[in-house]
Amino acid sequence: MVNNKHIFFLGIGGIGMSALARYFKSCGEEISGYDKTETELTRNLVNEGIHIIYRDDVSALTDGIDMVIYTPAIPQSLSLYLDLKSRPIPFLKRSEVLGSLSRNQKNIAIAGTHGKTTTSLLVAHILYDTGVPLTALLGGIASNYNNNFLQTGEDWFVLEADEYDRSFLHLTPDIAAIGSLDADHLDIYGDRTSMVRSYLQFASQVKEEGVLLLSDTIAVEDIISAKQSVSSNVRVEIFGLNNFENSCVVVEHSEGKVRFHYTENSQVVIPNLQMRLPGEHNIRNAIAAIRISRILKIAPEKISKALANFSGIYRRFEILLRSSNAVLIDDYAHHPEELKSAIHTCKLAYKGRKVTGIFQPHLYSRTKDFLNEFAEVLDGLDQIILVELYPARELPIEGISSQSIYDKLKNKKKYLTTKKELLELLKTLETDVVLMMGAGDLDVMREQIKKTIEEKQ
């Protein structure tokens, strides 16, 4: 796409943007970028030779920028955005670049309101572990690699198909999976019907002779619509926990792990699979990844071995502390359905123990859209701590905050706090299993929270 060019990334600290930056760095391009906040991820990029600025100052830009890649999460009022957009150089969205890179490559694209990061990481890990040449640009950090970019060749591209800003409509997959269609990003779509319409368009873009996998959590009418959307030469399969074409038999849940048999057409194909990602939602993600691996003709025993040595994902039910009287788990859950899955998984894995949830709402719009749903799900916890809302790219909405959820909670053991006061609050509470949830910046306090809990033992 480019050769010996200087590419500047607006929003380089984003998980998807950083993966793309690492890809172009591997191609020999000069990479620099801007982000509002210094994080562990941006520090890692700097250590890899990428120059990053953290202030919206045009004078801080280096000379010779040939191309700009930006994320739509970047405010268009930024001085850097306005200056770079005015220059006579390519100024492209990340999604446009991904579409261009993968268009002429065999590619696997994982979509869905929930589960796409976990599923795409599992697919990439299985391919990597079994020697299939791949390039993976991922939306999460796998513990095995401490990276969101994997490359051993270009036989297959593995991509996370993001519905935000309709980004995934730039992709033309050979194999696609849609894991869920719960309403989200209504600030973009307006309503679920419009969102589903975009997913159907994404499904229609699966290449001739390709495969579309659909989760059993998707409503029957949407599955029918998806089947009608694709070319007649595209194979459509259903996967899930209810004896569809590709399914499983769950054998055992234990602390942080699950064991199950993978089946196709009711026949056990791979027995006694073990995985360090517990919960029914993660089993569904694994089934999709296993089926994709089977389509690529990877041997069952190799799939089993790869799944067993998968170490987990940063902020996906990541166990930070585990002892007989203290457990700390960090999860990226930020939608009511994701919170429900995380809480259910936690209670399943730690039966009989008291679960305290720490939740930081993400986005004013999402909080407004799902206010009642958030309260209903969080009431399933034994104890609830709500932290101040993380706005990300959004301006405030009048009357919407963490207080809005707090006021609707029926649970009497509820607390409202700021990040600054969170640690002092934790010191005063009885805690057993603590589940951190949210897509904001609470993860920067992980080690402090862990230390606070440890000191209470």
Protein backbone atom coordinates (compact mmCIF):
# COMPACT_ATOMS: atom_id res chain seq x y z
CA MET A 1 0.00 0.00 0.00
CA VAL A 2 2.87 2.34 0.85
CA ASN A 3 6.63 2.13 0.50
CA ASN A 4 9.20 3.93 2.62
CA LYS A 5 6.61 6.41 3.81
CA HIS A 6 6.17 8.34 7.04
CA ILE A 7 2.69 7.48 8.40
CA PHE A 8 1.16 9.50 11.24
CA PHE A 9 -1.55 7.90 13.41
CA LEU A 10 -4.14 10.15 15.07
CA GLY A 11 -5.20 8.14 18.13
CA ILE A 12 -2.28 5.71 18.01
CA GLY A 13 -2.91 4.50 21.57
CA GLY A 14 -6.20 2.83 20.62
CA ILE A 15 -6.03 -0.95 20.61
CA GLY A 16 -6.92 -1.27 16.93
CA MET A 17 -4.84 1.68 15.82
CA SER A 18 -1.74 0.42 17.61
CA ALA A 19 -2.05 -2.97 15.89
CA LEU A 20 -2.16 -1.26 12.50
CA ALA A 21 0.79 0.94 13.44
CA ARG A 22 2.77 -2.16 14.37
CA TYR A 23 1.82 -3.75 11.04
CA PHE A 24 3.18 -0.82 9.01
CA LYS A 25 6.27 -0.66 11.23
CA SER A 26 6.90 -4.32 10.34
CA CYS A 27 6.66 -3.32 6.67
CA GLY A 28 9.55 -0.89 7.14
CA GLU A 29 7.55 2.35 7.23
CA GLU A 30 8.40 5.26 9.55
CA ILE A 31 5.62 5.55 12.15
CA SER A 32 4.68 8.35 14.51
CA GLY A 33 1.45 9.38 16.18
CA TYR A 34 -0.62 11.30 18.68
CA ASP A 35 -2.67 10.23 21.66
CA LYS A 36 -4.19 12.16 24.53
CA THR A 37 -2.85 9.92 27.29
CA GLU A 38 0.38 8.01 27.90
CA THR A 39 -0.36 4.37 28.73
CA GLU A 40 1.53 1.11 29.00
CA LEU A 41 0.57 0.41 25.39
CA THR A 42 1.93 3.73 24.10
CA ARG A 43 5.10 3.25 26.14
CA ASN A 44 5.56 -0.13 24.47
CA LEU A 45 5.13 1.48 21.05
CA VAL A 46 7.79 4.06 21.92
CA ASN A 47 10.13 1.25 22.98
CA GLU A 48 9.52 -0.32 19.56
CA GLY A 49 10.79 2.83 17.85
CA ILE A 50 7.57 4.78 17.30
CA HIS A 51 7.56 8.51 18.13
CA ILE A 52 4.41 9.65 20.01
CA ILE A 53 3.28 13.11 21.08
CA TYR A 54 0.70 13.68 23.83
CA ARG A 55 -0.27 17.31 23.27
CA ASP A 56 -2.51 18.86 20.65
CA ASP A 57 0.25 21.05 19.27
CA VAL A 58 0.91 21.36 15.54
CA SER A 59 4.47 22.57 16.22
CA ALA A 60 5.22 19.15 17.77
CA LEU A 61 4.68 17.39 14.41
CA THR A 62 7.79 16.09 12.71
CA ASP A 63 8.54 16.91 9.07
CA GLY A 64 7.88 14.72 6.07
CA ILE A 65 4.53 13.12 6.95
CA ASP A 66 3.29 11.32 3.81
CA MET A 67 0.02 9.85 5.04
CA VAL A 68 -2.37 10.09 8.01
CA ILE A 69 -4.48 7.30 9.49
CA TYR A 70 -7.09 8.33 12.04
CA THR A 71 -9.74 6.82 14.25
CA PRO A 72 -13.25 8.36 14.24
CA ALA A 73 -12.98 8.46 18.04
CA ILE A 74 -10.62 11.44 17.63
CA PRO A 75 -12.41 14.82 18.02
CA GLN A 76 -12.48 16.67 14.71
CA SER A 77 -11.91 19.91 16.61
CA LEU A 78 -8.30 18.93 17.43
CA SER A 79 -5.71 21.32 15.99
CA LEU A 80 -3.68 18.32 14.81
CA TYR A 81 -6.71 16.86 13.02
CA LEU A 82 -7.51 20.15 11.27
CA ASP A 83 -3.92 20.80 10.25
CA LEU A 84 -3.21 17.31 8.93
CA LYS A 85 -6.55 17.10 7.10
CA SER A 86 -5.75 20.34 5.26
CA ARG A 87 -2.50 18.95 3.86
CA PRO A 88 -2.32 17.48 0.32
CA ILE A 89 -1.61 13.96 1.60
CA PRO A 90 -3.84 10.86 2.03
CA PHE A 91 -6.01 11.22 5.17
CA LEU A 92 -7.68 7.86 5.81
CA LYS A 93 -9.83 6.16 8.44
CA ARG A 94 -8.37 3.05 10.03
CA SER A 95 -11.28 1.01 8.64
CA GLU A 96 -10.56 2.16 5.07
CA VAL A 97 -6.94 1.09 5.43
CA LEU A 98 -7.90 -2.32 6.86
CA GLY A 99 -10.29 -2.86 3.99
CA SER A 100 -7.65 -1.96 1.44
CA LEU A 101 -5.01 -4.20 3.06
CA SER A 102 -7.26 -7.26 3.28
CA ARG A 103 -9.25 -6.93 0.06
CA ASN A 104 -6.89 -9.04 -2.02
CA GLN A 105 -5.83 -11.33 0.85
CA LYS A 106 -7.62 -14.36 2.23
CA ASN A 107 -9.08 -13.05 5.44
CA ILE A 108 -11.12 -14.06 8.48
CA ALA A 109 -13.29 -11.33 10.01
CA ILE A 110 -14.98 -11.68 13.40
CA ALA A 111 -17.99 -9.45 14.12
CA GLY A 112 -20.65 -9.13 16.81
CA THR A 113 -21.67 -6.80 19.60
CA HIS A 114 -19.83 -9.04 22.06
CA GLY A 115 -17.09 -11.64 21.77
CA LYS A 116 -15.29 -10.47 18.65
CA THR A 117 -12.03 -9.70 20.42
CA THR A 118 -11.90 -13.03 22.25
CA THR A 119 -12.91 -15.02 19.15
CA SER A 120 -10.41 -13.29 16.85
CA LEU A 121 -7.63 -13.79 19.42
CA LEU A 122 -8.51 -17.48 19.74
CA VAL A 123 -8.49 -17.88 15.94
CA ALA A 124 -5.15 -16.09 15.65
CA HIS A 125 -3.64 -18.13 18.49
CA ILE A 126 -4.74 -21.48 17.03
CA LEU A 127 -3.36 -20.55 13.59
CA TYR A 128 -0.12 -19.24 15.10
CA ASP A 129 0.31 -22.25 17.37
CA THR A 130 -0.34 -24.75 14.58
CA GLY A 131 1.97 -23.11 12.03
CA VAL A 132 -0.54 -21.55 9.64
CA PRO A 133 1.11 -18.38 8.18
CA LEU A 134 -0.97 -15.42 9.33
CA THR A 135 -1.13 -11.69 9.90
CA ALA A 136 -3.44 -10.73 12.77
CA LEU A 137 -4.46 -7.20 13.71
CA LEU A 138 -6.35 -7.63 16.95
CA GLY A 139 -8.51 -5.67 19.38
CA GLY A 140 -6.97 -7.16 22.52
CA ILE A 141 -3.70 -8.30 24.05
CA ALA A 142 -3.18 -12.08 24.31
CA SER A 143 -1.16 -13.08 27.36
CA ASN A 144 0.81 -15.58 25.26
CA TYR A 145 2.33 -12.80 23.15
CA ASN A 146 1.78 -9.55 25.08
CA ASN A 147 0.88 -8.06 21.72
CA ASN A 148 -2.11 -7.21 19.53
CA PHE A 149 -0.19 -7.86 16.31
CA LEU A 150 0.97 -11.29 15.16
CA GLN A 151 2.71 -12.05 11.88
CA THR A 152 4.24 -15.23 10.54
CA GLY A 153 3.20 -14.76 6.91
CA GLU A 154 0.23 -13.60 4.86
CA ASP A 155 -1.66 -16.79 3.95
CA TRP A 156 -4.50 -15.52 6.16
CA PHE A 157 -5.36 -12.14 7.65
CA VAL A 158 -7.29 -12.31 10.95
CA LEU A 159 -9.29 -9.17 11.66
CA GLU A 160 -11.75 -7.89 14.23
CA ALA A 161 -14.75 -6.52 12.32
CA ASP A 162 -15.81 -3.47 14.35
CA GLU A 163 -19.38 -2.22 13.93
CA TYR A 164 -18.61 1.20 15.45
CA ASP A 165 -18.98 3.91 12.78
CA ARG A 166 -19.91 1.05 10.38
CA SER A 167 -16.19 0.31 10.06
CA PHE A 168 -16.70 -3.36 9.17
CA LEU A 169 -18.44 -2.44 5.92
CA HIS A 170 -14.98 -1.89 4.39
CA LEU A 171 -14.20 -5.62 4.80
CA THR A 172 -14.75 -8.47 2.32
CA PRO A 173 -14.11 -11.67 4.29
CA ASP A 174 -13.55 -15.21 3.05
CA ILE A 175 -14.71 -16.50 6.43
CA ALA A 176 -16.87 -14.37 8.72
CA ALA A 177 -18.42 -14.99 12.12
CA ILE A 178 -21.12 -12.94 13.85
CA GLY A 179 -21.25 -13.70 17.55
CA SER A 180 -24.16 -11.56 18.77
CA LEU A 181 -26.57 -8.84 17.68
CA ASP A 182 -27.52 -7.13 20.92
CA ALA A 183 -28.20 -3.42 20.47
CA ASP A 184 -25.15 -1.18 20.94
CA HIS A 185 -23.60 1.99 19.52
CA LEU A 186 -27.06 3.52 19.19
CA ASP A 187 -25.33 6.91 19.02
CA ILE A 188 -24.24 5.76 15.55
CA TYR A 189 -27.21 3.65 14.45
CA GLY A 190 -30.18 5.26 16.18
CA ASP A 191 -31.89 1.91 16.81
CA ARG A 192 -31.22 -1.83 16.71
CA THR A 193 -33.00 -2.26 13.36
CA SER A 194 -30.51 0.06 11.67
CA MET A 195 -27.62 -1.72 13.40
CA VAL A 196 -28.82 -5.14 12.21
CA ARG A 197 -29.18 -3.77 8.70
CA SER A 198 -25.46 -2.93 8.72
CA TYR A 199 -24.61 -6.42 9.97
CA LEU A 200 -26.64 -7.89 7.11
CA GLN A 201 -24.68 -5.75 4.66
CA PHE A 202 -21.47 -7.02 6.26
CA ALA A 203 -22.74 -10.60 5.79
CA SER A 204 -23.52 -9.88 2.14
CA GLN A 205 -19.86 -8.94 1.59
CA VAL A 206 -18.56 -12.47 2.32
CA LYS A 207 -16.73 -13.57 -0.81
CA GLU A 208 -17.99 -16.20 -3.25
CA GLU A 209 -17.42 -19.75 -1.94
CA GLY A 210 -16.90 -18.27 1.53
CA VAL A 211 -18.37 -19.25 4.91
CA LEU A 212 -20.57 -17.27 7.31
CA LEU A 213 -20.89 -18.52 10.90
CA LEU A 214 -23.79 -17.26 13.04
CA SER A 215 -24.24 -17.67 16.79
CA ASP A 216 -27.29 -19.42 18.23
CA THR A 217 -27.85 -16.30 20.36
CA ILE A 218 -29.00 -14.41 17.25
CA ALA A 219 -32.77 -14.21 16.78
CA VAL A 220 -34.24 -16.62 14.24
CA GLU A 221 -35.58 -13.82 12.04
CA ASP A 222 -32.12 -12.23 11.88
CA ILE A 223 -30.53 -15.58 10.97
CA ILE A 224 -33.07 -15.97 8.17
CA SER A 225 -32.30 -12.43 6.95
CA ALA A 226 -28.56 -13.13 7.06
CA LYS A 227 -29.01 -16.29 4.98
CA GLN A 228 -30.99 -14.28 2.45
CA SER A 229 -28.29 -11.57 2.35
CA VAL A 230 -25.38 -13.76 1.26
CA SER A 231 -24.54 -15.11 -2.17
CA SER A 232 -25.95 -18.53 -2.98
CA ASN A 233 -22.37 -19.86 -3.04
CA VAL A 234 -21.69 -18.82 0.56
CA ARG A 235 -22.12 -21.56 3.16
CA VAL A 236 -23.99 -20.47 6.30
CA GLU A 237 -23.57 -22.44 9.54
CA ILE A 238 -24.93 -22.00 13.06
CA PHE A 239 -22.76 -22.50 16.15
CA GLY A 240 -23.61 -22.49 19.84
CA LEU A 241 -24.55 -24.52 22.88
CA ASN A 242 -27.82 -25.99 21.63
CA ASN A 243 -26.86 -28.85 19.35
CA PHE A 244 -26.54 -26.87 16.14
CA GLU A 245 -24.16 -27.87 13.33
CA ASN A 246 -21.19 -26.86 15.48
CA SER A 247 -21.76 -27.17 19.19
CA CYS A 248 -20.35 -28.59 22.40
CA VAL A 249 -21.07 -30.53 25.55
CA VAL A 250 -19.90 -28.72 28.67
CA VAL A 251 -18.26 -31.11 31.10
CA GLU A 252 -16.92 -28.95 33.90
CA HIS A 253 -16.56 -25.37 35.13
CA SER A 254 -13.87 -24.73 37.73
CA GLU A 255 -12.04 -21.66 38.96
CA GLY A 256 -11.05 -19.79 35.83
CA LYS A 257 -11.21 -22.86 33.55
CA VAL A 258 -13.70 -24.92 31.55
CA ARG A 259 -13.64 -28.40 29.99
CA PHE A 260 -15.90 -29.43 27.10
CA HIS A 261 -16.34 -31.72 24.08
CA TYR A 262 -16.64 -30.11 20.64
CA THR A 263 -19.27 -31.62 18.37
CA GLU A 264 -20.31 -31.36 14.73
CA ASN A 265 -23.74 -32.64 13.75
CA SER A 266 -24.14 -34.19 17.24
CA GLN A 267 -20.93 -36.21 16.91
CA VAL A 268 -17.99 -35.54 19.23
CA VAL A 269 -15.09 -34.47 16.99
CA ILE A 270 -12.65 -33.15 19.61
CA PRO A 271 -13.11 -34.50 23.16
CA ASN A 272 -11.89 -33.07 26.48
CA LEU A 273 -10.95 -29.58 25.33
CA GLN A 274 -9.60 -27.37 28.12
CA MET A 275 -9.59 -23.59 28.12
CA ARG A 276 -8.65 -20.88 30.61
CA LEU A 277 -11.57 -18.67 29.61
CA PRO A 278 -14.62 -19.72 31.65
CA GLY A 279 -18.27 -18.95 30.93
CA GLU A 280 -20.82 -19.95 28.32
CA HIS A 281 -20.09 -16.84 26.25
CA ASN A 282 -16.43 -17.83 25.97
CA ILE A 283 -17.35 -21.40 25.05
CA ARG A 284 -19.38 -19.98 22.16
CA ASN A 285 -16.37 -17.89 21.15
CA ALA A 286 -14.19 -21.00 21.26
CA ILE A 287 -16.66 -23.01 19.17
CA ALA A 288 -16.51 -20.36 16.43
CA ALA A 289 -12.70 -20.37 16.54
CA ILE A 290 -12.57 -24.18 16.46
CA ARG A 291 -14.96 -24.36 13.51
CA ILE A 292 -12.88 -21.81 11.57
CA SER A 293 -9.78 -23.91 12.33
CA ARG A 294 -11.60 -27.00 11.07
CA ILE A 295 -12.55 -25.19 7.84
CA LEU A 296 -8.82 -24.53 7.39
CA LYS A 297 -8.28 -28.28 7.88
CA ILE A 298 -6.21 -28.02 11.06
CA ALA A 299 -5.97 -31.41 12.78
CA PRO A 300 -8.17 -31.90 15.90
CA GLU A 301 -5.25 -32.81 18.16
CA LYS A 302 -3.42 -29.61 17.16
CA ILE A 303 -6.52 -27.51 17.89
CA SER A 304 -6.86 -29.18 21.29
CA LYS A 305 -3.22 -28.48 22.18
CA ALA A 306 -3.43 -24.86 21.05
CA LEU A 307 -6.59 -24.18 23.04
CA ALA A 308 -5.10 -25.73 26.18
CA ASN A 309 -2.00 -23.52 26.06
CA PHE A 310 -3.91 -20.28 25.45
CA SER A 311 -3.02 -18.18 28.50
CA GLY A 312 -5.89 -15.70 28.37
CA ILE A 313 -6.50 -12.11 27.33
CA TYR A 314 -5.76 -8.79 28.95
CA ARG A 315 -8.96 -7.59 30.67
CA ARG A 316 -11.09 -10.55 29.52
CA PHE A 317 -11.96 -12.27 32.82
CA GLU A 318 -8.31 -11.84 33.70
CA ILE A 319 -7.53 -13.21 37.15
CA LEU A 320 -5.11 -10.82 38.87
CA LEU A 321 -5.25 -12.35 42.34
CA ARG A 322 -6.44 -15.75 43.56
CA SER A 323 -6.33 -17.16 47.09
CA SER A 324 -8.66 -18.94 49.49
CA ASN A 325 -10.09 -15.66 50.78
CA ALA A 326 -9.37 -13.11 48.06
CA VAL A 327 -9.91 -13.09 44.29
CA LEU A 328 -9.55 -10.13 41.90
CA ILE A 329 -10.75 -10.37 38.30
CA ASP A 330 -10.59 -7.66 35.63
CA ASP A 331 -13.04 -7.75 32.72
CA TYR A 332 -13.68 -5.37 29.82
CA ALA A 333 -17.47 -5.83 30.06
CA HIS A 334 -19.20 -2.51 29.32
CA HIS A 335 -22.60 -3.47 27.84
CA PRO A 336 -25.41 -4.90 30.03
CA GLU A 337 -25.24 -8.29 28.28
CA GLU A 338 -21.48 -8.41 28.80
CA LEU A 339 -21.88 -7.53 32.47
CA LYS A 340 -24.50 -10.26 32.81
CA SER A 341 -22.10 -12.82 31.29
CA ALA A 342 -19.17 -11.70 33.45
CA ILE A 343 -21.22 -11.81 36.66
CA HIS A 344 -22.77 -15.18 35.79
CA THR A 345 -19.35 -16.63 34.95
CA CYS A 346 -17.90 -15.29 38.20
CA LYS A 347 -20.68 -16.84 40.28
CA LEU A 348 -20.35 -20.12 38.39
CA ALA A 349 -16.59 -20.25 38.87
CA TYR A 350 -16.71 -19.22 42.55
CA LYS A 351 -19.89 -20.85 43.79
CA GLY A 352 -21.00 -19.84 47.25
CA ARG A 353 -18.63 -16.87 47.50
CA LYS A 354 -19.64 -13.21 47.81
CA VAL A 355 -19.03 -11.20 44.63
CA THR A 356 -18.32 -7.47 44.80
CA GLY A 357 -18.53 -5.66 41.48
CA ILE A 358 -16.62 -2.48 40.65
CA PHE A 359 -18.16 -0.93 37.56
CA GLN A 360 -17.07 2.15 35.63
CA PRO A 361 -19.75 3.08 33.04
CA HIS A 362 -18.38 3.85 29.56
CA LEU A 363 -19.94 6.63 27.45
CA TYR A 364 -22.83 8.91 28.33
CA SER A 365 -24.86 7.66 25.36
CA ARG A 366 -24.55 3.97 26.28
CA THR A 367 -25.44 4.74 29.91
CA LYS A 368 -28.52 6.69 28.77
CA ASP A 369 -29.60 3.97 26.31
CA PHE A 370 -29.30 1.10 28.82
CA LEU A 371 -29.86 2.78 32.18
CA ASN A 372 -32.50 0.31 33.40
CA GLU A 373 -30.63 -2.69 32.02
CA PHE A 374 -27.41 -1.71 33.80
CA ALA A 375 -29.24 -1.39 37.13
CA GLU A 376 -31.04 -4.70 36.71
CA VAL A 377 -27.85 -6.61 35.89
CA LEU A 378 -25.75 -4.99 38.63
CA ASP A 379 -28.41 -5.83 41.21
CA GLY A 380 -27.31 -9.45 40.73
CA LEU A 381 -24.10 -8.72 42.62
CA ASP A 382 -23.71 -9.15 46.37
CA GLN A 383 -22.11 -5.71 46.65
CA ILE A 384 -21.84 -2.92 44.06
CA ILE A 385 -19.28 -0.12 43.71
CA LEU A 386 -20.00 2.42 40.97
CA VAL A 387 -17.08 4.58 39.85
CA GLU A 388 -17.44 7.91 38.05
CA LEU A 389 -18.40 7.55 34.37
CA TYR A 390 -15.68 7.44 31.70
CA PRO A 391 -16.80 9.74 28.83
CA ALA A 392 -14.18 8.74 26.22
CA ARG A 393 -14.99 10.71 23.05
CA GLU A 394 -18.33 12.13 24.27
CA LEU A 395 -19.58 15.39 25.74
CA PRO A 396 -21.82 15.17 28.83
CA ILE A 397 -25.54 14.43 28.55
CA GLU A 398 -27.62 16.28 31.11
CA GLY A 399 -28.90 14.02 33.88
CA ILE A 400 -26.68 11.07 32.91
CA SER A 401 -23.85 9.85 35.17
CA SER A 402 -22.91 6.95 37.41
CA GLN A 403 -25.34 8.48 39.90
CA SER A 404 -28.13 7.73 37.39
CA ILE A 405 -27.45 4.00 37.65
CA TYR A 406 -26.88 4.19 41.42
CA ASP A 407 -30.33 5.73 41.98
CA LYS A 408 -32.01 2.83 40.18
CA LEU A 409 -30.22 0.05 42.09
CA LYS A 410 -32.38 -1.95 44.52
CA ASN A 411 -29.42 -3.59 46.24
CA LYS A 412 -28.80 -1.93 49.62
CA LYS A 413 -25.07 -2.71 49.50
CA LYS A 414 -24.26 -0.08 46.91
CA TYR A 415 -21.55 2.58 46.87
CA LEU A 416 -20.77 5.51 44.60
CA THR A 417 -17.21 6.80 44.42
CA THR A 418 -14.52 8.45 42.34
CA LYS A 419 -11.32 6.78 41.20
CA LYS A 420 -9.44 8.97 43.65
CA GLU A 421 -11.49 7.68 46.60
CA LEU A 422 -11.90 4.08 45.44
CA LEU A 423 -8.95 2.59 47.31
CA GLU A 424 -10.00 4.12 50.65
CA LEU A 425 -13.52 2.77 50.14
CA LEU A 426 -12.21 -0.73 49.42
CA LYS A 427 -10.28 -0.69 52.69
CA THR A 428 -13.52 -0.24 54.63
CA LEU A 429 -15.53 -3.00 52.91
CA GLU A 430 -15.61 -6.75 53.37
CA THR A 431 -14.56 -8.28 50.07
CA ASP A 432 -14.16 -11.87 48.91
CA VAL A 433 -14.33 -12.10 45.10
CA VAL A 434 -13.92 -8.70 43.41
CA LEU A 435 -14.91 -8.28 39.77
CA MET A 436 -13.74 -5.11 38.00
CA MET A 437 -15.81 -4.21 34.92
CA GLY A 438 -15.77 -1.47 32.30
CA ALA A 439 -14.07 -0.26 29.11
CA GLY A 440 -12.75 2.97 30.60
CA ASP A 441 -9.47 3.70 32.33
CA LEU A 442 -9.99 1.85 35.62
CA ASP A 443 -7.36 -0.65 34.45
CA VAL A 444 -4.63 1.88 35.26
CA MET A 445 -5.45 1.21 38.94
CA ARG A 446 -5.26 -2.58 38.70
CA GLU A 447 -2.07 -2.95 40.68
CA GLN A 448 -3.20 -0.48 43.35
CA ILE A 449 -6.51 -2.30 43.75
CA LYS A 450 -4.73 -5.63 43.92
CA LYS A 451 -2.32 -4.33 46.58
CA THR A 452 -5.20 -2.89 48.63
CA ILE A 453 -7.03 -6.24 48.62
CA GLU A 454 -3.86 -8.17 49.45
CA GLU A 455 -3.10 -5.93 52.42
CA LYS A 456 -6.55 -6.63 53.88
CA GLN A 457 -5.86 -10.39 54.13
